[in-house]
PDB file of N, CA and C in Angstrom:
ATOM      1  N   UNK A   1       3.603   3.670  23.013  1.00  0.00           N
ATOM      2  CA  UNK A   1       4.136   4.501  21.763  1.00  0.00           C
ATOM      3  C   UNK A   1       4.587   3.601  20.482  1.00  0.00           C
ATOM      4  N   UNK A   2       4.998   2.496  20.827  1.00  0.00           N
ATOM      5  CA  UNK A   2       5.380   1.398  19.605  1.00  0.00           C
ATOM      6  C   UNK A   2       4.148   1.066  19.027  1.00  0.00           C
ATOM      7  N   UNK A   3       3.359   0.740  19.746  1.00  0.00           N
ATOM      8  CA  UNK A   3       2.095   0.143  19.265  1.00  0.00           C
ATOM      9  C   UNK A   3       1.253   1.162  18.241  1.00  0.00           C
ATOM     10  N   UNK A   4       1.240   2.352  18.946  1.00  0.00           N
ATOM     11  CA  UNK A   4       0.737   3.483  17.879  1.00  0.00           C
ATOM     12  C   UNK A   4       1.420   3.519  16.727  1.00  0.00           C
ATOM     13  N   UNK A   5       2.796   3.524  16.710  1.00  0.00           N
ATOM     14  CA  UNK A   5       3.553   3.699  15.456  1.00  0.00           C
ATOM     15  C   UNK A   5       3.281   2.516  14.593  1.00  0.00           C
ATOM     16  N   UNK A   6       3.310   1.372  15.032  1.00  0.00           N
ATOM     17  CA  UNK A   6       3.025   0.162  14.170  1.00  0.00           C
ATOM     18  C   UNK A   6       1.574   0.093  13.550  1.00  0.00           C
ATOM     19  N   UNK A   7       0.665   0.615  14.350  1.00  0.00           N
ATOM     20  CA  UNK A   7      -0.772   0.849  13.849  1.00  0.00           C
ATOM     21  C   UNK A   7      -0.897   1.613  12.813  1.00  0.00           C
ATOM     22  N   UNK A   8      -0.234   2.789  12.910  1.00  0.00           N
ATOM     23  CA  UNK A   8      -0.075   3.935  11.786  1.00  0.00           C
ATOM     24  C   UNK A   8       0.583   3.148  10.655  1.00  0.00           C
ATOM     25  N   UNK A   9       1.352   2.656  10.670  1.00  0.00           N
ATOM     26  CA  UNK A   9       2.396   2.024   9.629  1.00  0.00           C
ATOM     27  C   UNK A   9       1.563   0.803   8.949  1.00  0.00           C
ATOM     28  N   UNK A  10       0.666   0.002   9.797  1.00  0.00           N
ATOM     29  CA  UNK A  10      -0.149  -0.893   9.113  1.00  0.00           C
ATOM     30  C   UNK A  10      -1.349  -0.267   8.353  1.00  0.00           C
ATOM     31  N   UNK A  11      -1.862   0.885   8.817  1.00  0.00           N
ATOM     32  CA  UNK A  11      -3.073   1.614   8.192  1.00  0.00           C
ATOM     33  C   UNK A  11      -2.397   2.038   6.932  1.00  0.00           C
ATOM     34  N   UNK A  12      -1.240   2.734   6.760  1.00  0.00           N
ATOM     35  CA  UNK A  12      -0.475   3.163   5.523  1.00  0.00           C
ATOM     36  C   UNK A  12      -0.234   1.899   4.735  1.00  0.00           C
ATOM     37  N   UNK A  13       0.082   1.071   5.077  1.00  0.00           N
ATOM     38  CA  UNK A  13       0.400  -0.231   4.142  1.00  0.00           C
ATOM     39  C   UNK A  13      -0.894  -0.764   3.668  1.00  0.00           C
ATOM     40  N   UNK A  14      -1.939  -1.052   4.502  1.00  0.00           N
ATOM     41  CA  UNK A  14      -3.369  -1.472   4.041  1.00  0.00           C
ATOM     42  C   UNK A  14      -3.857  -0.341   3.076  1.00  0.00           C
ATOM     43  N   UNK A  15      -3.577   0.776   3.159  1.00  0.00           N
ATOM     44  CA  UNK A  15      -4.151   1.849   2.233  1.00  0.00           C
ATOM     45  C   UNK A  15      -3.467   1.815   0.800  1.00  0.00           C
ATOM     46  N   UNK A  16      -2.489   1.222   0.765  1.00  0.00           N
ATOM     47  CA  UNK A  16      -1.663   1.184  -0.527  1.00  0.00           C
ATOM     48  C   UNK A  16      -2.308   0.066  -1.319  1.00  0.00           C
ATOM     49  N   UNK A  17      -3.118  -0.848  -0.842  1.00  0.00           N
ATOM     50  CA  UNK A  17      -3.752  -1.973  -1.797  1.00  0.00           C
ATOM     51  C   UNK A  17      -4.690  -1.412  -2.667  1.00  0.00           C
ATOM     52  N   UNK A  18      -5.724  -0.395  -2.153  1.00  0.00           N
ATOM     53  CA  UNK A  18      -6.690   0.038  -3.128  1.00  0.00           C
ATOM     54  C   UNK A  18      -6.159   0.922  -4.190  1.00  0.00           C
ATOM     55  N   UNK A  19      -4.977   1.568  -3.777  1.00  0.00           N
ATOM     56  CA  UNK A  19      -4.347   2.674  -4.733  1.00  0.00           C
ATOM     57  C   UNK A  19      -3.848   1.643  -5.865  1.00  0.00           C
ATOM     58  N   UNK A  20      -3.026   0.581  -5.506  1.00  0.00           N
ATOM     59  CA  UNK A  20      -2.403  -0.192  -6.364  1.00  0.00           C
ATOM     60  C   UNK A  20      -3.452  -0.379  -7.556  1.00  0.00           C
ATOM     61  N   UNK A  21      -4.692  -0.994  -7.009  1.00  0.00           N
ATOM     62  CA  UNK A  21      -5.494  -1.640  -8.091  1.00  0.00           C
ATOM     63  C   UNK A  21      -6.237  -0.361  -8.755  1.00  0.00           C
ATOM     64  N   UNK A  22      -6.539   0.572  -8.220  1.00  0.00           N
ATOM     65  CA  UNK A  22      -7.023   1.801  -8.716  1.00  0.00           C
ATOM     66  C   UNK A  22      -6.084   2.361  -9.928  1.00  0.00           C
ATOM     67  N   UNK A  23      -4.678   2.504  -9.672  1.00  0.00           N
ATOM     68  CA  UNK A  23      -3.842   2.718 -10.758  1.00  0.00           C
ATOM     69  C   UNK A  23      -3.823   1.675 -11.774  1.00  0.00           C
ATOM     70  N   UNK A  24      -3.924   0.425 -11.509  1.00  0.00           N
ATOM     71  CA  UNK A  24      -3.990  -0.745 -12.669  1.00  0.00           C
ATOM     72  C   UNK A  24      -5.214  -0.411 -13.575  1.00  0.00           C
ATOM     73  N   UNK A  25      -6.384   0.061 -12.761  1.00  0.00           N
ATOM     74  CA  UNK A  25      -7.626   0.224 -13.524  1.00  0.00           C
ATOM     75  C   UNK A  25      -7.456   1.418 -14.282  1.00  0.00           C
ATOM     76  N   UNK A  26      -6.738   2.584 -13.862  1.00  0.00           N
ATOM     77  CA  UNK A  26      -6.671   3.691 -14.649  1.00  0.00           C
ATOM     78  C   UNK A  26      -5.700   3.462 -15.828  1.00  0.00           C
ATOM     79  N   UNK A  27      -4.656   2.669 -15.657  1.00  0.00           N
ATOM     80  CA  UNK A  27      -3.904   2.252 -16.853  1.00  0.00           C
ATOM     81  C   UNK A  27      -4.493   1.560 -17.914  1.00  0.00           C
ATOM     82  N   UNK A  28      -5.554   0.595 -17.357  1.00  0.00           N
ATOM     83  CA  UNK A  28      -6.290  -0.126 -18.343  1.00  0.00           C
ATOM     84  C   UNK A  28      -7.417   0.838 -19.084  1.00  0.00           C
ATOM     85  N   UNK A  29      -8.124   1.714 -18.399  1.00  0.00           N
ATOM     86  CA  UNK A  29      -8.921   2.620 -18.942  1.00  0.00           C
ATOM     87  C   UNK A  29      -8.400   3.655 -19.817  1.00  0.00           C
ATOM     88  N   UNK A  30      -7.434   4.379 -19.305  1.00  0.00           N
ATOM     89  CA  UNK A  30      -6.765   5.503 -20.171  1.00  0.00           C
ATOM     90  C   UNK A  30      -5.898   5.147 -21.275  1.00  0.00           C
ATOM     91  N   UNK A  31      -5.122   4.031 -20.958  1.00  0.00           N
ATOM     92  CA  UNK A  31      -4.221   3.501 -22.127  1.00  0.00           C
ATOM     93  C   UNK A  31      -3.311   4.435 -22.233  1.00  0.00           C
ATOM     94  N   UNK A  32      -2.170   4.781 -21.497  1.00  0.00           N
ATOM     95  CA  UNK A  32      -1.297   5.866 -21.833  1.00  0.00           C
ATOM     96  C   UNK A  32      -0.427   5.773 -22.731  1.00  0.00           C
ATOM     97  N   UNK A  33      -0.157   4.478 -23.237  1.00  0.00           N
ATOM     98  CA  UNK A  33       0.863   4.305 -24.292  1.00  0.00           C
ATOM     99  C   UNK A  33       0.305   4.412 -25.790  1.00  0.00           C
ATOM    100  N   UNK A  34      -0.842   4.967 -25.985  1.00  0.00           N
ATOM    101  CA  UNK A  34      -1.342   5.155 -27.306  1.00  0.00           C
ATOM    102  C   UNK A  34      -0.963   6.387 -27.726  1.00  0.00           C
ATOM    103  N   UNK A  35      -1.135   7.396 -27.132  1.00  0.00           N
ATOM    104  CA  UNK A  35      -0.429   8.754 -27.567  1.00  0.00           C
ATOM    105  C   UNK A  35      -0.266   9.721 -26.396  1.00  0.00           C
ATOM    106  N   UNK A  36       0.421  10.883 -26.863  1.00  0.00           N
ATOM    107  CA  UNK A  36       1.042  11.731 -25.751  1.00  0.00           C
ATOM    108  C   UNK A  36      -0.289  12.459 -24.780  1.00  0.00           C
ATOM    109  N   UNK A  37      -1.260  12.614 -25.436  1.00  0.00           N
ATOM    110  CA  UNK A  37      -2.384  13.207 -24.801  1.00  0.00           C
ATOM    111  C   UNK A  37      -3.004  12.321 -23.670  1.00  0.00           C
ATOM    112  N   UNK A  38      -3.153  11.055 -24.092  1.00  0.00           N
ATOM    113  CA  UNK A  38      -3.476  10.063 -23.011  1.00  0.00           C
ATOM    114  C   UNK A  38      -2.439   9.838 -21.851  1.00  0.00           C
ATOM    115  N   UNK A  39      -1.115   9.873 -22.175  1.00  0.00           N
ATOM    116  CA  UNK A  39      -0.273   9.956 -21.243  1.00  0.00           C
ATOM    117  C   UNK A  39      -0.217  11.099 -20.185  1.00  0.00           C
ATOM    118  N   UNK A  40      -0.535  12.433 -20.789  1.00  0.00           N
ATOM    119  CA  UNK A  40      -0.532  13.452 -19.978  1.00  0.00           C
ATOM    120  C   UNK A  40      -1.896  13.350 -19.006  1.00  0.00           C
ATOM    121  N   UNK A  41      -2.819  13.007 -19.534  1.00  0.00           N
ATOM    122  CA  UNK A  41      -4.260  12.616 -18.876  1.00  0.00           C
ATOM    123  C   UNK A  41      -3.802  11.597 -17.707  1.00  0.00           C
ATOM    124  N   UNK A  42      -3.249  10.680 -18.017  1.00  0.00           N
ATOM    125  CA  UNK A  42      -2.997   9.671 -17.069  1.00  0.00           C
ATOM    126  C   UNK A  42      -1.916  10.191 -15.888  1.00  0.00           C
ATOM    127  N   UNK A  43      -1.004  10.782 -16.265  1.00  0.00           N
ATOM    128  CA  UNK A  43      -0.235  11.614 -15.309  1.00  0.00           C
ATOM    129  C   UNK A  43      -0.798  12.643 -14.537  1.00  0.00           C
ATOM    130  N   UNK A  44      -1.568  13.346 -14.963  1.00  0.00           N
ATOM    131  CA  UNK A  44      -2.697  14.286 -14.272  1.00  0.00           C
ATOM    132  C   UNK A  44      -3.531  13.594 -13.432  1.00  0.00           C
ATOM    133  N   UNK A  45      -4.153  12.468 -13.805  1.00  0.00           N
ATOM    134  CA  UNK A  45      -5.015  11.677 -12.897  1.00  0.00           C
ATOM    135  C   UNK A  45      -4.311  11.049 -11.717  1.00  0.00           C
ATOM    136  N   UNK A  46      -3.014  10.591 -11.993  1.00  0.00           N
ATOM    137  CA  UNK A  46      -2.247   9.888 -10.956  1.00  0.00           C
ATOM    138  C   UNK A  46      -1.930  11.189  -9.878  1.00  0.00           C
ATOM    139  N   UNK A  47      -1.589  12.256 -10.469  1.00  0.00           N
ATOM    140  CA  UNK A  47      -1.171  13.428  -9.640  1.00  0.00           C
ATOM    141  C   UNK A  47      -2.309  13.634  -8.515  1.00  0.00           C
ATOM    142  N   UNK A  48      -3.280  13.822  -9.159  1.00  0.00           N
ATOM    143  CA  UNK A  48      -4.627  14.014  -8.525  1.00  0.00           C
ATOM    144  C   UNK A  48      -5.019  12.991  -7.418  1.00  0.00           C
ATOM    145  N   UNK A  49      -4.874  11.726  -7.885  1.00  0.00           N
ATOM    146  CA  UNK A  49      -5.079  10.736  -6.984  1.00  0.00           C
ATOM    147  C   UNK A  49      -3.947  10.556  -5.822  1.00  0.00           C
ATOM    148  N   UNK A  50      -2.828  10.997  -6.000  1.00  0.00           N
ATOM    149  CA  UNK A  50      -1.820  10.922  -5.078  1.00  0.00           C
ATOM    150  C   UNK A  50      -2.145  12.119  -3.963  1.00  0.00           C
ATOM    151  N   UNK A  51      -2.452  13.226  -4.502  1.00  0.00           N
ATOM    152  CA  UNK A  51      -2.842  14.379  -3.724  1.00  0.00           C
ATOM    153  C   UNK A  51      -4.119  13.980  -2.562  1.00  0.00           C
ATOM    154  N   UNK A  52      -5.060  13.475  -3.230  1.00  0.00           N
ATOM    155  CA  UNK A  52      -6.331  13.466  -2.486  1.00  0.00           C
ATOM    156  C   UNK A  52      -6.163  12.080  -1.697  1.00  0.00           C
ATOM    157  N   UNK A  53      -5.641  11.135  -1.973  1.00  0.00           N
ATOM    158  CA  UNK A  53      -5.102   9.875  -1.239  1.00  0.00           C
ATOM    159  C   UNK A  53      -4.311  10.547   0.106  1.00  0.00           C
ATOM    160  N   UNK A  54      -3.360  11.131  -0.201  1.00  0.00           N
ATOM    161  CA  UNK A  54      -2.509  11.640   0.871  1.00  0.00           C
ATOM    162  C   UNK A  54      -3.313  12.277   1.918  1.00  0.00           C
ATOM    163  N   UNK A  55      -4.185  13.254   1.426  1.00  0.00           N
ATOM    164  CA  UNK A  55      -4.930  14.298   2.379  1.00  0.00           C
ATOM    165  C   UNK A  55      -5.875  13.547   3.153  1.00  0.00           C
ATOM    166  N   UNK A  56      -6.456  12.248   2.376  1.00  0.00           N
ATOM    167  CA  UNK A  56      -7.529  11.442   3.133  1.00  0.00           C
ATOM    168  C   UNK A  56      -6.579  10.428   4.190  1.00  0.00           C
ATOM    169  N   UNK A  57      -5.372  10.101   3.965  1.00  0.00           N
ATOM    170  CA  UNK A  57      -4.687   9.282   4.843  1.00  0.00           C
ATOM    171  C   UNK A  57      -4.271  10.069   6.039  1.00  0.00           C
ATOM    172  N   UNK A  58      -3.960  11.140   5.811  1.00  0.00           N
ATOM    173  CA  UNK A  58      -3.324  12.143   7.057  1.00  0.00           C
ATOM    174  C   UNK A  58      -4.477  12.389   7.864  1.00  0.00           C
ATOM    175  N   UNK A  59      -5.624  12.759   7.189  1.00  0.00           N
ATOM    176  CA  UNK A  59      -6.947  13.192   7.782  1.00  0.00           C
ATOM    177  C   UNK A  59      -7.165  11.823   8.843  1.00  0.00           C
ATOM    178  N   UNK A  60      -7.243  10.632   8.184  1.00  0.00           N
ATOM    179  CA  UNK A  60      -7.623   9.355   8.913  1.00  0.00           C
ATOM    180  C   UNK A  60      -6.667   9.258  10.295  1.00  0.00           C
ATOM    181  N   UNK A  61      -5.305   9.142   9.986  1.00  0.00           N
ATOM    182  CA  UNK A  61      -4.491   9.244  10.724  1.00  0.00           C
ATOM    183  C   UNK A  61      -4.638  10.196  12.212  1.00  0.00           C
ATOM    184  N   UNK A  62      -4.878  11.398  11.617  1.00  0.00           N
ATOM    185  CA  UNK A  62      -5.016  12.483  12.819  1.00  0.00           C
ATOM    186  C   UNK A  62      -6.208  12.247  13.613  1.00  0.00           C
ATOM    187  N   UNK A  63      -7.315  11.965  12.790  1.00  0.00           N
ATOM    188  CA  UNK A  63      -8.424  11.592  13.730  1.00  0.00           C
ATOM    189  C   UNK A  63      -8.541  10.172  14.482  1.00  0.00           C
ATOM    190  N   UNK A  64      -7.691   9.268  13.962  1.00  0.00           N
ATOM    191  CA  UNK A  64      -7.661   8.014  14.886  1.00  0.00           C
ATOM    192  C   UNK A  64      -6.750   8.263  16.010  1.00  0.00           C
ATOM    193  N   UNK A  65      -5.476   9.042  15.829  1.00  0.00           N
ATOM    194  CA  UNK A  65      -4.588   9.213  16.828  1.00  0.00           C
ATOM    195  C   UNK A  65      -4.303  10.711  17.096  1.00  0.00           C
ATOM    196  N   UNK A  66      -5.295  11.294  17.685  1.00  0.00           N
ATOM    197  CA  UNK A  66      -4.961  12.650  18.190  1.00  0.00           C
ATOM    198  C   UNK A  66      -3.829  12.828  19.016  1.00  0.00           C
ATOM    199  N   UNK A  67      -3.366  14.034  19.014  1.00  0.00           N
ATOM    200  CA  UNK A  67      -2.276  14.356  19.965  1.00  0.00           C
ATOM    201  C   UNK A  67      -2.584  14.406  21.292  1.00  0.00           C
TER     202      UNK A  67
END
């Protein structure tokens, strides 16, 4: 049980690395500091990124470690 929990934690921590670099790339491309429209586009893009990535990570953990 402990090994399973540690593997899930390792998967989640490893999954944060691509999200970090994707967020940095989005900041570079959208440039949210220029005006309010770009800021709201950046916020919406991040919201969608969080939702999609959460669904993908939950799906991955459920497929790798079924009940």
